[in-house]
Every structure is written in C-alpha cells, then in structure tokens.
Protein backbone atom coordinates (compact mmCIF):
# COMPACT_ATOMS: atom_id res chain seq x y z
CA MET A 1 10.80 35.62 -110.45
CA GLN A 2 7.25 36.62 -111.39
CA ARG A 3 5.97 35.61 -107.94
CA ARG A 4 8.66 37.72 -106.29
CA LEU A 5 7.59 40.78 -108.33
CA LYS A 6 3.96 40.29 -107.27
CA VAL A 7 4.97 40.15 -103.60
CA ILE A 8 7.12 43.27 -103.95
CA GLY A 9 4.28 45.04 -105.78
CA LEU A 10 1.76 44.15 -103.06
CA GLY A 11 4.17 45.33 -100.36
CA ALA A 12 4.70 48.66 -102.12
CA MET A 13 0.94 49.11 -102.51
CA ALA A 14 0.38 48.43 -98.81
CA LEU A 15 3.02 51.02 -97.89
CA ALA A 16 1.45 53.60 -100.20
CA LEU A 17 -2.03 53.03 -98.79
CA GLY A 18 -0.71 53.09 -95.24
CA GLY A 19 0.72 56.55 -95.89
CA CYS A 20 -2.75 57.88 -96.68
CA TRP A 21 -3.80 57.46 -93.05
CA GLY A 22 -0.95 59.59 -91.74
CA GLY A 23 0.81 56.73 -89.95
CA GLY A 24 0.13 57.87 -86.38
CA GLY A 25 -3.06 55.99 -85.64
CA ILE A 26 -5.61 56.81 -82.96
CA ARG A 27 -4.76 56.68 -79.26
CA ASP A 28 -7.76 56.17 -76.98
CA ASN A 29 -5.54 55.59 -73.95
CA GLU A 30 -3.85 59.01 -74.16
CA ARG A 31 -5.48 62.37 -73.38
CA ALA A 32 -4.74 65.93 -74.47
CA ASP A 33 -6.01 69.13 -72.92
CA TRP A 34 -4.19 71.56 -75.21
CA PRO A 35 -5.28 73.58 -77.02
CA PRO A 36 -8.50 74.03 -75.03
CA MET A 37 -11.56 72.79 -76.94
CA ARG A 38 -15.27 72.60 -76.32
CA LEU A 39 -18.33 71.50 -78.27
CA THR A 40 -21.26 73.58 -79.42
CA GLN A 41 -23.86 73.23 -82.17
CA ALA A 42 -24.70 75.32 -85.22
CA GLU A 43 -26.93 74.67 -88.22
CA GLY A 44 -27.75 71.19 -86.92
CA LYS A 45 -24.09 70.11 -86.74
CA GLN A 46 -21.52 69.61 -83.99
CA VAL A 47 -18.95 72.43 -83.87
CA VAL A 48 -15.57 72.19 -82.15
CA VAL A 49 -14.49 75.53 -80.64
CA VAL A 50 -10.71 75.75 -80.32
CA GLN A 51 -8.84 78.41 -78.33
CA ALA A 52 -5.57 78.90 -80.21
CA PRO A 53 -2.80 80.92 -78.50
CA SER A 54 -2.26 83.10 -81.59
CA PRO A 55 -3.73 83.65 -85.09
CA GLY A 56 -0.89 81.60 -86.61
CA TRP A 57 -2.33 78.30 -85.41
CA SER A 58 -4.79 76.56 -87.72
CA VAL A 59 -7.26 73.75 -87.13
CA HIS A 60 -8.52 71.41 -89.84
CA PHE A 61 -11.39 68.92 -89.71
CA ASP A 62 -9.94 65.73 -91.19
CA ARG A 63 -12.90 63.35 -90.94
CA SER A 64 -15.40 61.70 -88.65
CA GLU A 65 -15.73 57.99 -88.05
CA LYS A 66 -18.49 55.83 -86.67
CA MET A 67 -17.79 54.32 -83.26
CA SER A 68 -19.81 52.56 -80.62
CA GLY A 69 -22.36 55.02 -79.24
CA GLY A 70 -21.59 57.93 -81.58
CA ARG A 71 -18.88 59.37 -83.80
CA ARG A 72 -15.19 60.15 -83.51
CA VAL A 73 -14.08 63.57 -84.86
CA LEU A 74 -10.46 63.80 -86.05
CA LEU A 75 -8.73 67.20 -86.23
CA THR A 76 -5.25 68.36 -87.21
CA VAL A 77 -3.86 71.36 -85.30
CA ARG A 78 -1.02 73.05 -87.19
CA ARG A 79 1.70 75.13 -85.55
CA PRO A 80 2.35 78.66 -86.86
CA ASP A 81 4.87 79.37 -89.61
CA PRO A 82 7.98 80.57 -87.73
CA ALA A 83 8.87 82.93 -90.61
CA PHE A 84 6.04 85.25 -89.53
CA PHE A 85 5.25 87.17 -86.36
CA TYR A 86 1.81 86.80 -84.78
CA PRO A 87 0.24 88.79 -81.96
CA GLN A 88 0.08 86.84 -78.72
CA THR A 89 -3.67 86.91 -78.34
CA VAL A 90 -6.03 83.99 -77.89
CA VAL A 91 -8.06 83.34 -81.02
CA GLU A 92 -11.24 81.29 -80.99
CA GLN A 93 -11.64 79.10 -84.05
CA ASN A 94 -14.90 77.31 -84.86
CA VAL A 95 -14.57 74.06 -86.79
CA ILE A 96 -17.87 72.74 -88.13
CA THR A 97 -18.04 68.98 -88.53
CA ASP A 98 -20.24 66.66 -90.57
CA VAL A 99 -21.73 65.17 -87.37
CA ARG A 100 -25.36 65.87 -86.51
CA ALA A 101 -25.94 67.99 -83.41
CA ASP A 102 -27.86 65.20 -81.64
CA THR A 103 -24.99 62.69 -81.99
CA ASP A 104 -22.51 61.97 -79.19
CA VAL A 105 -18.91 62.67 -80.24
CA ARG A 106 -15.36 62.17 -79.03
CA VAL A 107 -12.81 64.66 -80.33
CA TYR A 108 -9.24 63.64 -81.25
CA ARG A 109 -6.43 65.93 -82.39
CA ARG A 110 -2.94 65.57 -83.74
CA LEU A 111 -0.25 68.26 -83.91
CA ALA A 112 1.61 69.07 -87.12
CA ASP A 113 4.07 71.65 -88.37
CA HIS A 114 2.66 74.39 -90.61
CA ASP A 115 4.23 72.88 -93.74
CA GLN A 116 3.94 69.18 -92.96
CA ARG A 117 2.09 67.61 -95.89
CA LYS A 118 1.40 64.21 -94.31
CA PRO A 119 1.38 64.51 -90.52
CA ASP A 120 2.57 61.32 -88.84
CA ALA A 121 1.61 62.16 -85.26
CA PRO A 122 -1.14 60.05 -83.68
CA TYR A 123 -4.61 61.39 -82.99
CA VAL A 124 -5.02 61.78 -79.22
CA ARG A 125 -8.36 62.07 -77.44
CA VAL A 126 -9.14 65.60 -76.25
CA GLU A 127 -10.43 66.41 -72.79
CA LEU A 128 -13.16 68.91 -73.64
CA ASP A 129 -13.86 72.01 -71.56
CA GLY A 130 -17.29 72.64 -70.09
C-alpha cells in the first residue's frame, strides 16, 4: 500500500512539473511566418520586432535557451480579447530579450488566447523577415 502511494505521488508530481512547460514542446521541423518578425539590436541585446495586425495582440518573451551555435528565443503571441474593438492598423511591437546582440538566435512562437493562463500550443520556429 505504501509503495503504491509513493508511485501515485511521483506520477502526480511529474504531471504538475510537466504543466509548467506549457505542454506543447518545441517544433524545429515546423515553420511559421505569421505574424511577421525580424531581429534588431538595442542596448547590447537582441530585439524581436513583431508586426501585429492590431493593438489588441500582445507578445511576451517567455525565455531563452542555449542551443548548438547560439540561443533559442521563445515567445508567446496572444490573440486580442474579443470583448473589445481594436482599430485595424498594423502595430510594431519591440520585444527585448536577454540574449546578447552578438549571439546567433532562432526565434520560436506559440499562439494563445488572451485569457489562456497556461498555453498548451507548441513553440514553432519563425521565418524571420529581412
């Protein structure tokens, strides 16, 4: 009985920790070209410039990870709240990262609803403009 409780406890802990990563994983074999993104530098850091279709969209820097030959930048792009009206005008958002300007990066994004607390969509590699 005690052994069974330990196994159940370890399984529950693994599920809880797995939820911290968002569940979607990272997909190197898939590509995304929306919303348009490009890289620039500011204050010695890499900056991701995102062209959102309206002010309701938001972009969040989740984290960066070390990878072979540079760093991977993970972003969450959130859809607008449908309860509000937004002008249909392209808005440029600058997302500063923690990656040094002289470091090679790959950018990945996942899409989430405006109110989704733990997005479960996978991070997909972004085809950068320019």
